[in-house]
Amino acid sequence: MATKAKILTIILLTLFLVASYSDGADKWDKADMAWSVSLVTLRVIDWGQTLHIAANPTFYHEHNIILGKHPTRNQVNVYFPFLIASDILIAHYLPKSFKFTLLGDKFDIDCRRVFVVVNNASGIKTIIRNYTLGLGFWF
């Protein structure tokens, strides 16, 4: 197993272990579900595009530092299920309300929403960049 894959595996196993000992997470509302479904959909589209990159190393290269420039089909098919699972796991255990005071101002941040929205934006950027390079929306 490549070093990057070992590191990724250790990180994800650690996340799963920490989550399994957690007292629980905040309930999900409809918006949380919608944002998360969107994120998973974007990850699946990126997965398909990355498989096309892996199948055509002469014409394309990957920008993902974990996968490297020319990942194998197997590396791609291992990476994306772990990524999707870790996205959902992280989102699940992030607090719905994180309250703090900074310089006298009070803030209440929905950490789960911030996480999934930022990852959705990143996913959209990646998919559009891939699309402009000639990669479609297939799997």
N, C-alpha and C. Protein backbone atom coordinates (compact mmCIF):
# COMPACT_ATOMS: atom_id res chain seq x y z
N MET A 1 0.85 -1.18 0.00
CA MET A 1 0.00 0.00 0.00
C MET A 1 0.89 1.25 0.00
N ALA A 2 0.55 2.20 -0.82
CA ALA A 2 1.34 3.43 -0.91
C ALA A 2 1.27 4.21 0.40
N THR A 3 2.28 5.02 0.64
CA THR A 3 2.35 5.80 1.87
C THR A 3 1.14 6.70 2.04
N LYS A 4 0.71 7.39 0.96
CA LYS A 4 -0.45 8.27 1.05
C LYS A 4 -1.70 7.48 1.43
N ALA A 5 -1.85 6.31 0.86
CA ALA A 5 -3.01 5.48 1.17
C ALA A 5 -2.97 5.03 2.63
N LYS A 6 -1.79 4.72 3.14
CA LYS A 6 -1.66 4.33 4.56
C LYS A 6 -2.05 5.49 5.47
N ILE A 7 -1.57 6.68 5.14
CA ILE A 7 -1.89 7.85 5.95
C ILE A 7 -3.38 8.11 5.93
N LEU A 8 -3.99 8.05 4.74
CA LEU A 8 -5.43 8.26 4.61
C LEU A 8 -6.20 7.22 5.42
N THR A 9 -5.78 5.98 5.35
CA THR A 9 -6.44 4.91 6.10
C THR A 9 -6.35 5.16 7.60
N ILE A 10 -5.18 5.55 8.08
CA ILE A 10 -5.00 5.83 9.52
C ILE A 10 -5.89 6.99 9.96
N ILE A 11 -5.94 8.05 9.16
CA ILE A 11 -6.78 9.20 9.50
C ILE A 11 -8.25 8.80 9.56
N LEU A 12 -8.71 8.07 8.55
CA LEU A 12 -10.11 7.68 8.52
C LEU A 12 -10.47 6.70 9.63
N LEU A 13 -9.59 5.77 9.92
CA LEU A 13 -9.86 4.85 11.04
C LEU A 13 -9.92 5.61 12.36
N THR A 14 -9.06 6.60 12.51
CA THR A 14 -9.08 7.42 13.72
C THR A 14 -10.41 8.17 13.83
N LEU A 15 -10.87 8.74 12.71
CA LEU A 15 -12.16 9.43 12.71
C LEU A 15 -13.30 8.50 13.11
N PHE A 16 -13.31 7.29 12.55
CA PHE A 16 -14.37 6.33 12.87
C PHE A 16 -14.31 5.93 14.34
N LEU A 17 -13.11 5.74 14.87
CA LEU A 17 -12.98 5.36 16.28
C LEU A 17 -13.45 6.49 17.20
N VAL A 18 -13.05 7.72 16.88
CA VAL A 18 -13.47 8.85 17.69
C VAL A 18 -14.99 8.99 17.64
N ALA A 19 -15.55 8.84 16.45
CA ALA A 19 -17.01 8.96 16.31
C ALA A 19 -17.74 7.87 17.07
N SER A 20 -17.19 6.69 17.10
CA SER A 20 -17.87 5.59 17.78
C SER A 20 -17.92 5.78 19.29
N TYR A 21 -17.02 6.59 19.84
CA TYR A 21 -17.01 6.85 21.27
C TYR A 21 -17.68 8.17 21.63
N SER A 22 -18.22 8.85 20.64
CA SER A 22 -18.88 10.12 20.89
C SER A 22 -20.23 9.89 21.56
N ASP A 23 -20.66 10.87 22.34
CA ASP A 23 -21.96 10.77 23.01
C ASP A 23 -23.12 10.96 22.04
N GLY A 24 -22.84 11.36 20.86
CA GLY A 24 -23.91 11.56 19.89
C GLY A 24 -23.71 12.86 19.15
N ALA A 25 -24.61 13.11 18.25
CA ALA A 25 -24.50 14.32 17.44
C ALA A 25 -25.85 15.01 17.42
N ASP A 26 -25.83 16.26 17.00
CA ASP A 26 -27.06 17.02 16.86
C ASP A 26 -27.92 16.42 15.76
N LYS A 27 -29.23 16.57 15.90
CA LYS A 27 -30.15 16.05 14.88
C LYS A 27 -29.97 16.80 13.56
N TRP A 28 -30.27 16.10 12.49
CA TRP A 28 -30.19 16.68 11.16
C TRP A 28 -31.54 17.26 10.78
N ASP A 29 -31.53 18.44 10.17
CA ASP A 29 -32.78 18.98 9.64
C ASP A 29 -32.81 18.76 8.12
N LYS A 30 -33.88 19.20 7.47
CA LYS A 30 -34.02 18.97 6.02
C LYS A 30 -32.92 19.66 5.22
N ALA A 31 -32.53 20.84 5.66
CA ALA A 31 -31.46 21.56 4.95
C ALA A 31 -30.13 20.82 5.07
N ASP A 32 -29.83 20.27 6.26
CA ASP A 32 -28.61 19.47 6.43
C ASP A 32 -28.61 18.30 5.46
N MET A 33 -29.74 17.63 5.38
CA MET A 33 -29.86 16.47 4.48
C MET A 33 -29.67 16.89 3.02
N ALA A 34 -30.30 17.99 2.63
CA ALA A 34 -30.21 18.45 1.24
C ALA A 34 -28.77 18.81 0.88
N TRP A 35 -28.10 19.56 1.77
CA TRP A 35 -26.71 19.93 1.50
C TRP A 35 -25.81 18.69 1.42
N SER A 36 -26.06 17.72 2.28
CA SER A 36 -25.24 16.51 2.30
C SER A 36 -25.49 15.64 1.07
N VAL A 37 -26.75 15.54 0.64
CA VAL A 37 -27.05 14.80 -0.60
C VAL A 37 -26.36 15.47 -1.77
N SER A 38 -26.39 16.79 -1.79
CA SER A 38 -25.69 17.54 -2.84
C SER A 38 -24.19 17.23 -2.82
N LEU A 39 -23.61 17.21 -1.64
CA LEU A 39 -22.18 16.93 -1.51
C LEU A 39 -21.84 15.53 -2.02
N VAL A 40 -22.63 14.55 -1.63
CA VAL A 40 -22.38 13.18 -2.09
C VAL A 40 -22.52 13.10 -3.61
N THR A 41 -23.51 13.77 -4.16
CA THR A 41 -23.71 13.79 -5.62
C THR A 41 -22.49 14.38 -6.32
N LEU A 42 -21.99 15.49 -5.79
CA LEU A 42 -20.79 16.11 -6.38
C LEU A 42 -19.58 15.19 -6.27
N ARG A 43 -19.44 14.50 -5.15
CA ARG A 43 -18.32 13.56 -4.97
C ARG A 43 -18.41 12.43 -5.99
N VAL A 44 -19.62 11.94 -6.26
CA VAL A 44 -19.79 10.85 -7.22
C VAL A 44 -19.45 11.32 -8.64
N ILE A 45 -19.85 12.55 -8.99
CA ILE A 45 -19.49 13.10 -10.30
C ILE A 45 -17.97 13.23 -10.40
N ASP A 46 -17.33 13.75 -9.37
CA ASP A 46 -15.87 13.89 -9.36
C ASP A 46 -15.21 12.52 -9.45
N TRP A 47 -15.77 11.54 -8.78
CA TRP A 47 -15.27 10.16 -8.84
C TRP A 47 -15.24 9.68 -10.28
N GLY A 48 -16.35 9.88 -10.99
CA GLY A 48 -16.41 9.47 -12.40
C GLY A 48 -15.39 10.20 -13.25
N GLN A 49 -15.26 11.49 -13.04
CA GLN A 49 -14.27 12.26 -13.80
C GLN A 49 -12.85 11.79 -13.49
N THR A 50 -12.60 11.47 -12.23
CA THR A 50 -11.27 11.01 -11.84
C THR A 50 -10.97 9.64 -12.41
N LEU A 51 -11.97 8.79 -12.52
CA LEU A 51 -11.78 7.49 -13.19
C LEU A 51 -11.39 7.70 -14.66
N HIS A 52 -12.01 8.70 -15.30
CA HIS A 52 -11.66 9.00 -16.69
C HIS A 52 -10.22 9.52 -16.78
N ILE A 53 -9.81 10.32 -15.81
CA ILE A 53 -8.42 10.79 -15.76
C ILE A 53 -7.47 9.61 -15.60
N ALA A 54 -7.81 8.69 -14.71
CA ALA A 54 -6.97 7.50 -14.47
C ALA A 54 -6.86 6.64 -15.72
N ALA A 55 -7.94 6.57 -16.49
CA ALA A 55 -7.94 5.74 -17.70
C ALA A 55 -7.21 6.41 -18.87
N ASN A 56 -6.94 7.71 -18.76
CA ASN A 56 -6.31 8.46 -19.85
C ASN A 56 -5.14 9.29 -19.35
N PRO A 57 -4.10 8.65 -18.80
CA PRO A 57 -2.98 9.41 -18.22
C PRO A 57 -2.17 10.20 -19.24
N THR A 58 -2.29 9.86 -20.52
CA THR A 58 -1.57 10.59 -21.56
C THR A 58 -2.17 11.98 -21.76
N PHE A 59 -3.49 12.08 -21.57
CA PHE A 59 -4.18 13.33 -21.85
C PHE A 59 -4.49 14.17 -20.61
N TYR A 60 -4.60 13.52 -19.45
CA TYR A 60 -5.01 14.23 -18.24
C TYR A 60 -4.11 13.88 -17.07
N HIS A 61 -4.10 14.75 -16.07
CA HIS A 61 -3.46 14.43 -14.81
C HIS A 61 -4.33 14.98 -13.67
N GLU A 62 -4.23 14.33 -12.54
CA GLU A 62 -5.03 14.67 -11.36
C GLU A 62 -4.34 15.77 -10.57
N HIS A 63 -5.14 16.64 -9.94
CA HIS A 63 -4.60 17.71 -9.10
C HIS A 63 -4.70 17.39 -7.61
N ASN A 64 -5.30 16.26 -7.28
CA ASN A 64 -5.48 15.85 -5.89
C ASN A 64 -4.15 15.35 -5.35
N ILE A 65 -3.65 15.98 -4.28
CA ILE A 65 -2.33 15.62 -3.76
C ILE A 65 -2.32 14.24 -3.11
N ILE A 66 -3.46 13.78 -2.66
CA ILE A 66 -3.52 12.44 -2.06
C ILE A 66 -3.42 11.37 -3.14
N LEU A 67 -4.14 11.56 -4.24
CA LEU A 67 -4.12 10.57 -5.32
C LEU A 67 -2.87 10.65 -6.19
N GLY A 68 -2.27 11.82 -6.28
CA GLY A 68 -1.11 11.99 -7.15
C GLY A 68 -1.55 12.29 -8.58
N LYS A 69 -0.59 12.59 -9.44
CA LYS A 69 -0.90 13.00 -10.82
C LYS A 69 -1.55 11.91 -11.65
N HIS A 70 -1.13 10.68 -11.47
CA HIS A 70 -1.65 9.58 -12.30
C HIS A 70 -2.10 8.41 -11.42
N PRO A 71 -3.27 8.55 -10.80
CA PRO A 71 -3.75 7.47 -9.94
C PRO A 71 -4.22 6.28 -10.76
N THR A 72 -4.20 5.13 -10.14
CA THR A 72 -4.76 3.94 -10.78
C THR A 72 -6.26 3.92 -10.53
N ARG A 73 -6.96 3.11 -11.31
CA ARG A 73 -8.40 2.94 -11.13
C ARG A 73 -8.70 2.44 -9.71
N ASN A 74 -7.88 1.53 -9.23
CA ASN A 74 -8.06 0.99 -7.89
C ASN A 74 -7.89 2.08 -6.82
N GLN A 75 -6.87 2.91 -6.96
CA GLN A 75 -6.67 3.99 -6.00
C GLN A 75 -7.88 4.93 -5.96
N VAL A 76 -8.41 5.24 -7.13
CA VAL A 76 -9.58 6.13 -7.22
C VAL A 76 -10.78 5.47 -6.55
N ASN A 77 -10.96 4.18 -6.81
CA ASN A 77 -12.11 3.45 -6.27
C ASN A 77 -11.99 3.17 -4.78
N VAL A 78 -10.82 3.30 -4.21
CA VAL A 78 -10.65 3.20 -2.76
C VAL A 78 -10.82 4.58 -2.12
N TYR A 79 -10.26 5.59 -2.76
CA TYR A 79 -10.26 6.95 -2.20
C TYR A 79 -11.67 7.53 -2.05
N PHE A 80 -12.47 7.46 -3.10
CA PHE A 80 -13.76 8.16 -3.07
C PHE A 80 -14.76 7.60 -2.07
N PRO A 81 -14.90 6.30 -1.91
CA PRO A 81 -15.81 5.83 -0.84
C PRO A 81 -15.35 6.30 0.55
N PHE A 82 -14.04 6.29 0.80
CA PHE A 82 -13.53 6.80 2.07
C PHE A 82 -13.82 8.29 2.21
N LEU A 83 -13.65 9.03 1.14
CA LEU A 83 -13.91 10.48 1.17
C LEU A 83 -15.37 10.76 1.48
N ILE A 84 -16.27 10.06 0.79
CA ILE A 84 -17.70 10.26 1.01
C ILE A 84 -18.08 9.88 2.44
N ALA A 85 -17.59 8.75 2.89
CA ALA A 85 -17.89 8.31 4.26
C ALA A 85 -17.35 9.31 5.29
N SER A 86 -16.14 9.80 5.07
CA SER A 86 -15.57 10.76 6.03
C SER A 86 -16.30 12.09 5.99
N ASP A 87 -16.76 12.53 4.80
CA ASP A 87 -17.55 13.76 4.71
C ASP A 87 -18.80 13.65 5.58
N ILE A 88 -19.52 12.54 5.44
CA ILE A 88 -20.76 12.36 6.19
C ILE A 88 -20.47 12.22 7.68
N LEU A 89 -19.44 11.48 8.00
CA LEU A 89 -19.07 11.28 9.41
C LEU A 89 -18.68 12.60 10.07
N ILE A 90 -17.85 13.37 9.41
CA ILE A 90 -17.43 14.66 9.95
C ILE A 90 -18.64 15.58 10.10
N ALA A 91 -19.46 15.66 9.05
CA ALA A 91 -20.65 16.52 9.10
C ALA A 91 -21.57 16.09 10.25
N HIS A 92 -21.72 14.80 10.44
CA HIS A 92 -22.62 14.29 11.47
C HIS A 92 -22.19 14.73 12.87
N TYR A 93 -20.91 14.71 13.12
CA TYR A 93 -20.42 15.01 14.47
C TYR A 93 -20.03 16.46 14.70
N LEU A 94 -20.10 17.29 13.67
CA LEU A 94 -19.87 18.72 13.89
C LEU A 94 -21.08 19.31 14.60
N PRO A 95 -20.86 20.25 15.50
CA PRO A 95 -21.99 20.82 16.24
C PRO A 95 -22.88 21.69 15.35
N LYS A 96 -24.16 21.60 15.61
CA LYS A 96 -25.14 22.42 14.91
C LYS A 96 -25.03 23.88 15.37
N SER A 97 -24.62 24.05 16.60
CA SER A 97 -24.49 25.40 17.14
C SER A 97 -23.19 25.49 17.94
N PHE A 98 -22.33 26.38 17.49
CA PHE A 98 -21.08 26.64 18.20
C PHE A 98 -21.08 28.11 18.57
N LYS A 99 -21.27 28.39 19.85
CA LYS A 99 -21.39 29.77 20.31
C LYS A 99 -20.07 30.23 20.92
N PHE A 100 -19.69 31.47 20.57
CA PHE A 100 -18.48 32.04 21.14
C PHE A 100 -18.55 33.56 21.07
N THR A 101 -17.71 34.19 21.82
CA THR A 101 -17.62 35.65 21.84
C THR A 101 -16.24 36.05 21.37
N LEU A 102 -16.20 37.02 20.49
CA LEU A 102 -14.93 37.52 19.96
C LEU A 102 -14.98 39.04 19.97
N LEU A 103 -14.08 39.63 20.71
CA LEU A 103 -13.99 41.09 20.81
C LEU A 103 -15.33 41.71 21.21
N GLY A 104 -16.03 41.03 22.11
CA GLY A 104 -17.30 41.55 22.62
C GLY A 104 -18.52 41.20 21.80
N ASP A 105 -18.33 40.67 20.60
CA ASP A 105 -19.46 40.28 19.76
C ASP A 105 -19.74 38.78 19.93
N LYS A 106 -21.02 38.43 20.00
CA LYS A 106 -21.41 37.03 20.15
C LYS A 106 -21.72 36.42 18.79
N PHE A 107 -21.25 35.20 18.61
CA PHE A 107 -21.45 34.48 17.36
C PHE A 107 -22.05 33.11 17.65
N ASP A 108 -22.84 32.63 16.71
CA ASP A 108 -23.40 31.28 16.78
C ASP A 108 -23.24 30.67 15.39
N ILE A 109 -22.31 29.76 15.26
CA ILE A 109 -21.96 29.19 13.96
C ILE A 109 -22.54 27.78 13.84
N ASP A 110 -23.16 27.49 12.71
CA ASP A 110 -23.61 26.13 12.41
C ASP A 110 -22.45 25.44 11.69
N CYS A 111 -21.61 24.74 12.45
CA CYS A 111 -20.39 24.15 11.91
C CYS A 111 -20.69 23.11 10.83
N ARG A 112 -21.73 22.32 11.03
CA ARG A 112 -22.10 21.31 10.03
C ARG A 112 -22.42 21.97 8.70
N ARG A 113 -23.23 23.03 8.77
CA ARG A 113 -23.64 23.71 7.54
C ARG A 113 -22.43 24.34 6.85
N VAL A 114 -21.56 24.97 7.60
CA VAL A 114 -20.36 25.58 7.03
C VAL A 114 -19.53 24.51 6.33
N PHE A 115 -19.33 23.36 6.98
CA PHE A 115 -18.53 22.28 6.42
C PHE A 115 -19.10 21.79 5.09
N VAL A 116 -20.41 21.49 5.05
CA VAL A 116 -20.97 20.93 3.81
C VAL A 116 -21.08 21.98 2.71
N VAL A 117 -21.36 23.23 3.06
CA VAL A 117 -21.45 24.27 2.04
C VAL A 117 -20.07 24.54 1.42
N VAL A 118 -19.05 24.64 2.25
CA VAL A 118 -17.69 24.88 1.74
C VAL A 118 -17.25 23.71 0.85
N ASN A 119 -17.54 22.48 1.27
CA ASN A 119 -17.17 21.32 0.47
C ASN A 119 -17.99 21.22 -0.82
N ASN A 120 -19.26 21.66 -0.78
CA ASN A 120 -20.05 21.73 -2.01
C ASN A 120 -19.42 22.72 -2.99
N ALA A 121 -19.04 23.89 -2.49
CA ALA A 121 -18.42 24.91 -3.34
C ALA A 121 -17.12 24.39 -3.96
N SER A 122 -16.33 23.72 -3.15
CA SER A 122 -15.07 23.14 -3.65
C SER A 122 -15.35 22.07 -4.70
N GLY A 123 -16.35 21.25 -4.45
CA GLY A 123 -16.71 20.20 -5.41
C GLY A 123 -17.18 20.77 -6.74
N ILE A 124 -18.00 21.82 -6.67
CA ILE A 124 -18.49 22.47 -7.89
C ILE A 124 -17.31 23.04 -8.68
N LYS A 125 -16.39 23.68 -8.00
CA LYS A 125 -15.21 24.25 -8.66
C LYS A 125 -14.41 23.15 -9.37
N THR A 126 -14.20 22.04 -8.69
CA THR A 126 -13.42 20.93 -9.26
C THR A 126 -14.11 20.34 -10.48
N ILE A 127 -15.41 20.11 -10.37
CA ILE A 127 -16.16 19.51 -11.48
C ILE A 127 -16.19 20.43 -12.69
N ILE A 128 -16.38 21.72 -12.46
CA ILE A 128 -16.40 22.68 -13.58
C ILE A 128 -15.03 22.74 -14.24
N ARG A 129 -13.96 22.76 -13.43
CA ARG A 129 -12.61 22.77 -14.02
C ARG A 129 -12.40 21.51 -14.87
N ASN A 130 -12.80 20.36 -14.34
CA ASN A 130 -12.66 19.12 -15.09
C ASN A 130 -13.49 19.16 -16.37
N TYR A 131 -14.70 19.71 -16.28
CA TYR A 131 -15.57 19.79 -17.45
C TYR A 131 -14.95 20.66 -18.54
N THR A 132 -14.34 21.77 -18.14
CA THR A 132 -13.71 22.66 -19.14
C THR A 132 -12.50 21.99 -19.80
N LEU A 133 -11.96 20.97 -19.15
CA LEU A 133 -10.83 20.22 -19.73
C LEU A 133 -11.32 19.10 -20.65
N GLY A 134 -12.63 18.95 -20.77
CA GLY A 134 -13.19 17.93 -21.65
C GLY A 134 -13.72 16.70 -20.95
N LEU A 135 -13.73 16.72 -19.63
CA LEU A 135 -14.28 15.59 -18.88
C LEU A 135 -15.76 15.84 -18.67
N GLY A 136 -16.58 14.88 -19.04
CA GLY A 136 -18.03 15.05 -18.91
C GLY A 136 -18.52 14.72 -17.50
N PHE A 137 -19.80 14.44 -17.42
CA PHE A 137 -20.44 14.11 -16.16
C PHE A 137 -20.88 12.66 -16.15
N TRP A 138 -20.01 11.76 -16.48
CA TRP A 138 -20.35 10.32 -16.49
C TRP A 138 -19.62 9.60 -15.39
N PHE A 139 -20.04 8.37 -15.18
CA PHE A 139 -19.38 7.55 -14.16
C PHE A 139 -18.85 6.30 -14.82
